[in-house]
Amino acid sequence: MTKGTRKRSGQSGMTLVETLVAIAISGMIVSAIYSLFQTHHRIAVRQSQTSLMQQELLSAMSLISEELRMCGFSAQGSPGFGFAHRPGTDEPDYGRLTTESAIYCSQDWNMDGIANENGSGSLREHAGFRLNVANDGSAKKVPDNVLRKYDTGAVHWQPFSTNIGDLRFTYLDEGGAVITEAHEHTEKIRGVRVTITAIPDPSRARLGIGNRTLSTTVWCRNTHVEKMP
């Protein structure tokens, strides 16, 4: 045997123990990286969901506030416009209410003195908002957490905001005092405090994301012209 051959035969690779230790260390590193990735992923999802909830709240509040400000408008001072719903003979109500959990009001958008139930422009004369409502105006047996707006078309309650857990209205008189039994005293309503609560999407419930609530007070510009017919 030559000297070179004897030198090569004396070299050895990694032992079994060394190999197992290397595998264990590699596994720990991979596990740590995966755990870090999961943590950052959860944070990103939470931030995304929270941002979405905030957007839903702001969008819903903006639309409701904009429409409520015009409640009772009538350029000619025509009676019957405001928070009271007075459907004509044999006309369905479709669940239009002025209560703690639902709101409805009308305005004379086309200035003909009538709260038109159909036809061109009729949608602009009605502002109604409810949560968990079926198309016929009844409350859904199984809440879907969808906020809907009243429509004069075939679909009477159009969805426009999802994952809304609660919707509340507090009615105020001219001096800012709360009106109890507001549906019986619609002529006194001058302002509405709107409170909306957004909830996480059910698929994100395990992330422990809290609800988000937004509240504002809308003073209606035209309710002082509401008159009883």
Protein backbone atom coordinates (compact mmCIF):
# COMPACT_ATOMS: atom_id res chain seq x y z
CA MET A 1 0.00 0.00 0.00
CA THR A 2 1.45 3.39 -0.88
CA LYS A 3 1.76 6.34 1.46
CA GLY A 4 -0.94 8.28 -0.40
CA THR A 5 -3.34 5.40 -0.13
CA ARG A 6 -2.75 5.04 3.59
CA LYS A 7 -3.51 8.82 4.11
CA ARG A 8 -6.80 8.67 2.22
CA SER A 9 -7.94 5.57 4.07
CA GLY A 10 -7.35 7.36 7.39
CA GLN A 11 -9.88 10.12 6.54
CA SER A 12 -13.47 9.67 7.73
CA GLY A 13 -16.86 11.42 7.11
CA MET A 14 -19.52 12.52 9.64
CA THR A 15 -20.45 9.98 12.24
CA LEU A 16 -24.08 8.96 12.81
CA VAL A 17 -24.24 11.08 15.95
CA GLU A 18 -22.94 14.13 14.11
CA THR A 19 -25.47 13.58 11.35
CA LEU A 20 -28.36 13.32 13.83
CA VAL A 21 -27.21 16.46 15.63
CA ALA A 22 -27.03 18.37 12.32
CA ILE A 23 -30.54 17.19 11.38
CA ALA A 24 -31.88 18.23 14.78
CA ILE A 25 -30.31 21.69 14.52
CA SER A 26 -31.66 22.12 10.98
CA GLY A 27 -35.12 21.10 12.18
CA MET A 28 -35.00 23.66 14.99
CA ILE A 29 -33.98 26.39 12.56
CA VAL A 30 -36.74 25.50 10.10
CA SER A 31 -39.26 25.33 12.94
CA ALA A 32 -38.20 28.75 14.24
CA ILE A 33 -38.44 30.27 10.76
CA TYR A 34 -41.91 28.73 10.23
CA SER A 35 -43.08 29.98 13.65
CA LEU A 36 -41.83 33.48 12.82
CA PHE A 37 -43.59 33.34 9.45
CA GLN A 38 -46.84 32.24 11.10
CA THR A 39 -46.63 35.06 13.62
CA HIS A 40 -46.09 37.67 10.94
CA HIS A 41 -48.87 36.14 8.84
CA ARG A 42 -51.34 36.34 11.76
CA ILE A 43 -50.37 39.95 12.40
CA ALA A 44 -50.87 40.81 8.72
CA VAL A 45 -54.27 39.09 8.63
CA ARG A 46 -55.38 40.85 11.82
CA GLN A 47 -54.32 44.21 10.44
CA SER A 48 -56.06 43.51 7.13
CA GLN A 49 -59.29 42.41 8.86
CA THR A 50 -59.23 45.41 11.19
CA SER A 51 -58.71 47.74 8.24
CA LEU A 52 -61.61 46.11 6.39
CA MET A 53 -63.88 46.51 9.43
CA GLN A 54 -62.95 50.19 9.67
CA GLN A 55 -63.67 50.69 5.98
CA GLU A 56 -67.08 49.01 6.34
CA LEU A 57 -67.92 51.26 9.27
CA LEU A 58 -66.84 54.47 7.56
CA SER A 59 -68.63 53.59 4.32
CA ALA A 60 -71.87 52.66 6.09
CA MET A 61 -71.79 55.70 8.36
CA SER A 62 -71.08 58.05 5.46
CA LEU A 63 -74.07 56.81 3.44
CA ILE A 64 -76.48 56.78 6.38
CA SER A 65 -75.44 60.24 7.56
CA GLU A 66 -75.69 61.74 4.09
CA GLU A 67 -79.24 60.46 3.57
CA LEU A 68 -80.52 61.26 7.06
CA ARG A 69 -79.47 64.89 6.74
CA MET A 70 -82.06 65.33 3.96
CA CYS A 71 -84.95 63.68 5.82
CA GLY A 72 -88.14 65.71 5.62
CA PHE A 73 -87.01 67.88 2.70
CA SER A 74 -89.82 69.46 0.75
CA ALA A 75 -89.11 72.56 -1.30
CA GLN A 76 -92.81 73.49 -1.19
CA GLY A 77 -93.36 72.55 2.45
CA SER A 78 -95.61 69.66 1.46
CA PRO A 79 -96.90 67.57 4.41
CA GLY A 80 -96.09 63.94 5.10
CA PHE A 81 -92.32 63.95 4.63
CA GLY A 82 -90.00 62.98 7.45
CA PHE A 83 -89.63 60.02 9.76
CA ALA A 84 -93.27 58.91 9.71
CA HIS A 85 -94.15 56.23 7.17
CA ARG A 86 -97.64 56.67 5.80
CA PRO A 87 -98.12 54.23 2.93
CA GLY A 88 -101.13 54.69 0.71
CA THR A 89 -104.11 52.39 0.70
CA ASP A 90 -103.18 48.75 0.07
CA GLU A 91 -99.50 49.70 -0.27
CA PRO A 92 -97.12 47.33 1.57
CA ASP A 93 -94.98 48.60 4.39
CA TYR A 94 -91.94 46.37 3.72
CA GLY A 95 -90.78 46.79 7.28
CA ARG A 96 -89.97 50.49 7.11
CA LEU A 97 -89.64 51.49 10.75
CA THR A 98 -88.37 54.28 12.97
CA THR A 99 -87.16 52.40 16.04
CA GLU A 100 -84.04 51.75 18.07
CA SER A 101 -82.75 49.20 15.54
CA ALA A 102 -84.26 50.47 12.26
CA ILE A 103 -84.75 53.82 10.61
CA TYR A 104 -86.87 55.19 7.79
CA CYS A 105 -87.58 58.67 6.46
CA SER A 106 -88.68 60.35 3.24
CA GLN A 107 -88.10 63.53 1.29
CA ASP A 108 -89.72 65.23 -1.68
CA TRP A 109 -86.81 64.75 -4.08
CA ASN A 110 -88.73 65.51 -7.30
CA MET A 111 -90.87 68.20 -5.60
CA ASP A 112 -94.25 66.78 -6.55
CA GLY A 113 -95.52 66.59 -2.98
CA ILE A 114 -95.70 62.78 -3.00
CA ALA A 115 -93.39 60.14 -1.53
CA ASN A 116 -93.36 58.08 -4.72
CA GLU A 117 -93.23 54.33 -4.21
CA ASN A 118 -92.02 53.49 -7.72
CA GLY A 119 -90.85 55.02 -10.94
CA SER A 120 -87.93 57.22 -11.90
CA GLY A 121 -86.32 58.97 -8.97
CA SER A 122 -88.47 57.22 -6.38
CA LEU A 123 -85.42 55.67 -4.68
CA ARG A 124 -84.11 59.15 -3.90
CA GLU A 125 -87.24 59.89 -1.89
CA HIS A 126 -86.76 57.09 0.63
CA ALA A 127 -84.01 56.43 3.17
CA GLY A 128 -84.34 53.23 5.17
CA PHE A 129 -81.68 51.15 6.90
CA ARG A 130 -81.99 47.85 8.74
CA LEU A 131 -79.82 44.95 9.84
CA ASN A 132 -80.72 41.27 9.28
CA VAL A 133 -83.89 42.06 7.31
CA ALA A 134 -85.57 39.87 4.66
CA ASN A 135 -86.88 41.30 1.40
CA ASP A 136 -90.47 41.47 2.69
CA GLY A 137 -89.36 43.53 5.67
CA SER A 138 -89.47 40.77 8.26
CA ALA A 139 -86.50 40.05 10.50
CA LYS A 140 -84.31 37.18 9.34
CA LYS A 141 -84.63 34.10 11.55
CA VAL A 142 -80.91 33.51 11.21
CA PRO A 143 -78.96 36.80 11.33
CA ASP A 144 -76.62 37.27 8.40
CA ASN A 145 -74.96 40.44 9.77
CA VAL A 146 -75.72 42.31 6.54
CA LEU A 147 -76.74 45.96 6.65
CA ARG A 148 -79.36 46.79 4.02
CA LYS A 149 -80.84 49.93 2.47
CA TYR A 150 -84.46 50.28 1.44
CA ASP A 151 -85.07 50.25 -2.32
CA THR A 152 -88.25 50.89 -4.29
CA GLY A 153 -87.36 48.22 -6.88
CA ALA A 154 -88.08 44.49 -6.85
CA VAL A 155 -85.41 43.89 -4.22
CA HIS A 156 -86.70 46.10 -1.42
CA TRP A 157 -83.71 45.73 0.89
CA GLN A 158 -80.42 46.01 -0.91
CA PRO A 159 -77.25 44.83 0.91
CA PHE A 160 -74.46 47.36 1.10
CA SER A 161 -72.34 46.45 4.13
CA THR A 162 -71.34 43.07 5.58
CA ASN A 163 -70.11 41.80 8.95
CA ILE A 164 -72.16 44.36 10.88
CA GLY A 165 -73.01 43.01 14.31
CA ASP A 166 -75.20 45.81 15.65
CA LEU A 167 -77.03 48.92 14.45
CA ARG A 168 -78.59 51.42 16.87
CA PHE A 169 -80.47 54.70 16.52
CA THR A 170 -81.14 57.24 19.25
CA TYR A 171 -83.53 60.05 18.34
CA LEU A 172 -83.07 63.60 19.61
CA ASP A 173 -85.41 66.56 19.80
CA GLU A 174 -84.58 70.18 19.04
CA GLY A 175 -82.85 70.62 22.39
CA GLY A 176 -80.82 67.44 22.07
CA ALA A 177 -82.91 65.43 24.54
CA VAL A 178 -83.54 61.75 23.81
CA ILE A 179 -87.02 60.97 22.47
CA THR A 180 -88.52 57.81 23.91
CA GLU A 181 -91.00 55.88 21.75
CA ALA A 182 -89.73 57.84 18.76
CA HIS A 183 -92.04 56.02 16.32
CA GLU A 184 -94.97 57.71 18.07
CA HIS A 185 -93.37 61.15 18.06
CA THR A 186 -91.67 61.38 14.68
CA GLU A 187 -92.62 65.03 14.32
CA LYS A 188 -90.25 65.87 17.22
CA ILE A 189 -87.15 64.27 15.67
CA ARG A 190 -84.43 66.75 14.80
CA GLY A 191 -81.34 64.60 15.14
CA VAL A 192 -80.27 60.96 15.16
CA ARG A 193 -77.34 59.38 16.96
CA VAL A 194 -76.16 56.47 14.82
CA THR A 195 -74.05 53.67 16.31
CA ILE A 196 -72.68 50.86 14.14
CA THR A 197 -70.62 47.88 15.31
CA ALA A 198 -68.54 45.85 12.87
CA ILE A 199 -67.52 42.28 13.71
CA PRO A 200 -64.72 40.12 12.25
CA ASP A 201 -65.47 37.75 9.42
CA PRO A 202 -66.38 34.32 10.90
CA SER A 203 -63.37 32.79 9.17
CA ARG A 204 -61.13 35.11 11.22
CA ALA A 205 -62.80 34.47 14.58
CA ARG A 206 -59.93 32.29 15.85
CA LEU A 207 -57.54 35.25 15.57
CA GLY A 208 -59.19 36.99 18.50
CA ILE A 209 -59.95 40.23 16.64
CA GLY A 210 -62.18 42.56 18.64
CA ASN A 211 -65.27 44.37 17.37
CA ARG A 212 -65.09 47.96 16.16
CA THR A 213 -67.79 50.54 16.91
CA LEU A 214 -68.37 53.94 15.32
CA SER A 215 -70.91 56.51 16.49
CA THR A 216 -71.97 59.92 15.20
CA THR A 217 -74.86 62.34 15.56
CA VAL A 218 -76.64 63.59 12.46
CA TRP A 219 -78.74 66.75 12.65
CA CYS A 220 -81.45 66.65 10.02
CA ARG A 221 -81.66 69.91 8.09
CA ASN A 222 -85.30 69.69 7.05
CA THR A 223 -87.33 67.92 9.72
CA HIS A 224 -88.80 71.18 10.98
CA VAL A 225 -91.01 71.21 7.86
CA GLU A 226 -92.58 67.84 8.64
CA LYS A 227 -96.32 68.33 8.97
CA MET A 228 -99.14 65.99 9.66
CA PRO A 229 -101.43 65.68 6.58
